[in-house]
N, C-alpha and C. Protein backbone atom coordinates (compact mmCIF):
# COMPACT_ATOMS: atom_id res chain seq x y z
N MET A 1 -31.10 5.10 23.32
CA MET A 1 -29.95 5.94 23.60
C MET A 1 -28.88 5.66 22.53
N SER A 2 -28.35 6.72 21.87
CA SER A 2 -27.32 6.52 20.85
C SER A 2 -25.95 6.33 21.48
N PRO A 3 -25.14 5.56 20.78
CA PRO A 3 -23.79 5.34 21.31
C PRO A 3 -22.97 6.62 21.24
N THR A 4 -22.14 6.82 22.23
CA THR A 4 -21.24 7.97 22.25
C THR A 4 -19.93 7.57 21.58
N PRO A 5 -19.10 8.55 21.21
CA PRO A 5 -17.80 8.19 20.62
C PRO A 5 -16.99 7.25 21.50
N ASP A 6 -17.11 7.40 22.82
CA ASP A 6 -16.38 6.50 23.72
C ASP A 6 -16.86 5.07 23.60
N ASP A 7 -18.16 4.88 23.33
CA ASP A 7 -18.71 3.54 23.17
C ASP A 7 -18.17 2.87 21.90
N LEU A 8 -17.86 3.68 20.90
CA LEU A 8 -17.41 3.16 19.61
C LEU A 8 -15.89 3.05 19.51
N ALA A 9 -15.18 3.61 20.48
CA ALA A 9 -13.72 3.61 20.43
C ALA A 9 -13.18 2.19 20.58
N PRO A 10 -12.20 1.85 19.74
CA PRO A 10 -11.60 0.52 19.86
C PRO A 10 -10.79 0.41 21.14
N GLU A 11 -10.64 -0.80 21.62
CA GLU A 11 -9.86 -1.01 22.83
C GLU A 11 -8.37 -0.86 22.55
N ARG A 12 -7.96 -1.21 21.32
CA ARG A 12 -6.54 -1.13 20.95
C ARG A 12 -6.38 -0.30 19.69
N SER A 13 -5.20 0.25 19.52
CA SER A 13 -4.95 1.08 18.34
C SER A 13 -4.76 0.21 17.11
N LEU A 14 -4.90 0.85 15.95
CA LEU A 14 -4.65 0.15 14.69
C LEU A 14 -3.23 -0.39 14.64
N ALA A 15 -2.28 0.36 15.16
CA ALA A 15 -0.88 -0.06 15.15
C ALA A 15 -0.69 -1.34 15.98
N GLU A 16 -1.35 -1.42 17.12
CA GLU A 16 -1.24 -2.61 17.97
C GLU A 16 -1.83 -3.84 17.28
N ILE A 17 -2.97 -3.65 16.67
CA ILE A 17 -3.64 -4.77 15.98
C ILE A 17 -2.79 -5.21 14.79
N ASN A 18 -2.28 -4.25 14.03
CA ASN A 18 -1.44 -4.55 12.88
C ASN A 18 -0.18 -5.31 13.32
N ALA A 19 0.41 -4.90 14.42
CA ALA A 19 1.60 -5.59 14.94
C ALA A 19 1.28 -7.04 15.28
N ASP A 20 0.11 -7.28 15.87
CA ASP A 20 -0.31 -8.66 16.18
C ASP A 20 -0.46 -9.49 14.91
N ILE A 21 -1.04 -8.89 13.88
CA ILE A 21 -1.22 -9.60 12.60
C ILE A 21 0.14 -9.95 12.01
N ARG A 22 1.05 -8.99 12.01
CA ARG A 22 2.39 -9.23 11.47
C ARG A 22 3.12 -10.31 12.27
N CYS A 23 3.03 -10.26 13.57
CA CYS A 23 3.68 -11.27 14.41
C CYS A 23 3.10 -12.66 14.16
N LEU A 24 1.80 -12.73 13.99
CA LEU A 24 1.16 -14.01 13.70
C LEU A 24 1.76 -14.65 12.45
N PHE A 25 1.90 -13.86 11.40
CA PHE A 25 2.46 -14.38 10.16
C PHE A 25 3.95 -14.67 10.28
N ALA A 26 4.67 -13.85 11.03
CA ALA A 26 6.11 -14.08 11.20
C ALA A 26 6.35 -15.39 11.94
N ARG A 27 5.58 -15.64 12.99
CA ARG A 27 5.73 -16.89 13.75
C ARG A 27 5.36 -18.09 12.91
N ALA A 28 4.35 -17.92 12.07
CA ALA A 28 3.84 -19.03 11.25
C ALA A 28 4.63 -19.19 9.96
N GLU A 29 5.59 -18.30 9.74
CA GLU A 29 6.37 -18.31 8.51
C GLU A 29 5.48 -18.32 7.27
N GLY A 30 4.37 -17.56 7.36
CA GLY A 30 3.47 -17.40 6.23
C GLY A 30 2.45 -18.50 6.03
N ARG A 31 2.51 -19.56 6.82
CA ARG A 31 1.56 -20.67 6.68
C ARG A 31 0.80 -20.83 7.99
N LEU A 32 -0.47 -20.48 7.96
CA LEU A 32 -1.28 -20.51 9.16
C LEU A 32 -1.97 -21.85 9.37
N THR A 33 -1.99 -22.28 10.62
CA THR A 33 -2.77 -23.47 10.99
C THR A 33 -4.24 -23.05 11.07
N ASP A 34 -5.12 -24.00 11.26
CA ASP A 34 -6.54 -23.68 11.40
C ASP A 34 -6.77 -22.75 12.59
N THR A 35 -6.10 -23.01 13.69
CA THR A 35 -6.24 -22.16 14.88
C THR A 35 -5.74 -20.75 14.60
N GLU A 36 -4.61 -20.66 13.90
CA GLU A 36 -4.07 -19.35 13.56
C GLU A 36 -4.96 -18.61 12.57
N ARG A 37 -5.62 -19.34 11.68
CA ARG A 37 -6.57 -18.69 10.75
C ARG A 37 -7.75 -18.08 11.50
N VAL A 38 -8.21 -18.78 12.53
CA VAL A 38 -9.29 -18.25 13.35
C VAL A 38 -8.83 -16.98 14.07
N ARG A 39 -7.61 -17.00 14.61
CA ARG A 39 -7.05 -15.83 15.28
C ARG A 39 -6.88 -14.68 14.29
N HIS A 40 -6.41 -14.99 13.08
CA HIS A 40 -6.23 -13.98 12.04
C HIS A 40 -7.57 -13.33 11.69
N ALA A 41 -8.61 -14.14 11.53
CA ALA A 41 -9.94 -13.62 11.22
C ALA A 41 -10.43 -12.68 12.33
N ALA A 42 -10.19 -13.06 13.57
CA ALA A 42 -10.60 -12.22 14.69
C ALA A 42 -9.82 -10.90 14.68
N LEU A 43 -8.53 -10.98 14.39
CA LEU A 43 -7.72 -9.76 14.32
C LEU A 43 -8.18 -8.84 13.18
N LEU A 44 -8.53 -9.43 12.04
CA LEU A 44 -9.03 -8.63 10.93
C LEU A 44 -10.35 -7.94 11.28
N GLN A 45 -11.21 -8.64 12.00
CA GLN A 45 -12.47 -8.04 12.44
C GLN A 45 -12.21 -6.89 13.41
N GLU A 46 -11.28 -7.12 14.34
CA GLU A 46 -10.92 -6.07 15.29
C GLU A 46 -10.34 -4.86 14.55
N TRP A 47 -9.48 -5.14 13.55
CA TRP A 47 -8.86 -4.07 12.77
C TRP A 47 -9.93 -3.27 12.01
N ALA A 48 -10.87 -3.97 11.38
CA ALA A 48 -11.93 -3.29 10.63
C ALA A 48 -12.78 -2.42 11.55
N THR A 49 -13.07 -2.91 12.74
CA THR A 49 -13.83 -2.13 13.71
C THR A 49 -13.06 -0.88 14.12
N ALA A 50 -11.76 -1.02 14.32
CA ALA A 50 -10.93 0.12 14.70
C ALA A 50 -10.86 1.14 13.56
N VAL A 51 -10.79 0.67 12.32
CA VAL A 51 -10.76 1.57 11.17
C VAL A 51 -12.07 2.37 11.12
N ARG A 52 -13.19 1.67 11.25
CA ARG A 52 -14.49 2.37 11.22
C ARG A 52 -14.59 3.39 12.34
N ALA A 53 -14.06 3.08 13.51
CA ALA A 53 -14.13 4.01 14.63
C ALA A 53 -13.24 5.22 14.42
N SER A 54 -12.21 5.07 13.58
CA SER A 54 -11.28 6.18 13.36
C SER A 54 -11.74 7.15 12.28
N VAL A 55 -12.79 6.79 11.54
CA VAL A 55 -13.28 7.64 10.46
C VAL A 55 -14.03 8.82 11.06
N VAL A 56 -13.67 10.00 10.58
CA VAL A 56 -14.31 11.23 11.04
C VAL A 56 -15.38 11.60 10.01
N PRO A 57 -16.63 11.74 10.46
CA PRO A 57 -17.70 12.11 9.52
C PRO A 57 -17.43 13.48 8.87
N ALA A 58 -17.81 13.59 7.62
CA ALA A 58 -17.66 14.86 6.91
C ALA A 58 -18.60 15.90 7.50
N ALA A 59 -18.19 17.13 7.41
CA ALA A 59 -19.00 18.23 7.97
C ALA A 59 -20.23 18.48 7.14
């Protein structure tokens, strides 16, 4: 069974994910701890998934 667009839709918007990334760096004053780096990597993965889900295939 192929995934439907609803299956591929991100749980959060790109704007929400981007805001989390910005807040992470603002709180850390630009210097991330190891734990914050792990969180940042997870946010980047979530952001990339959301970007891929937002791409509309060409006709």
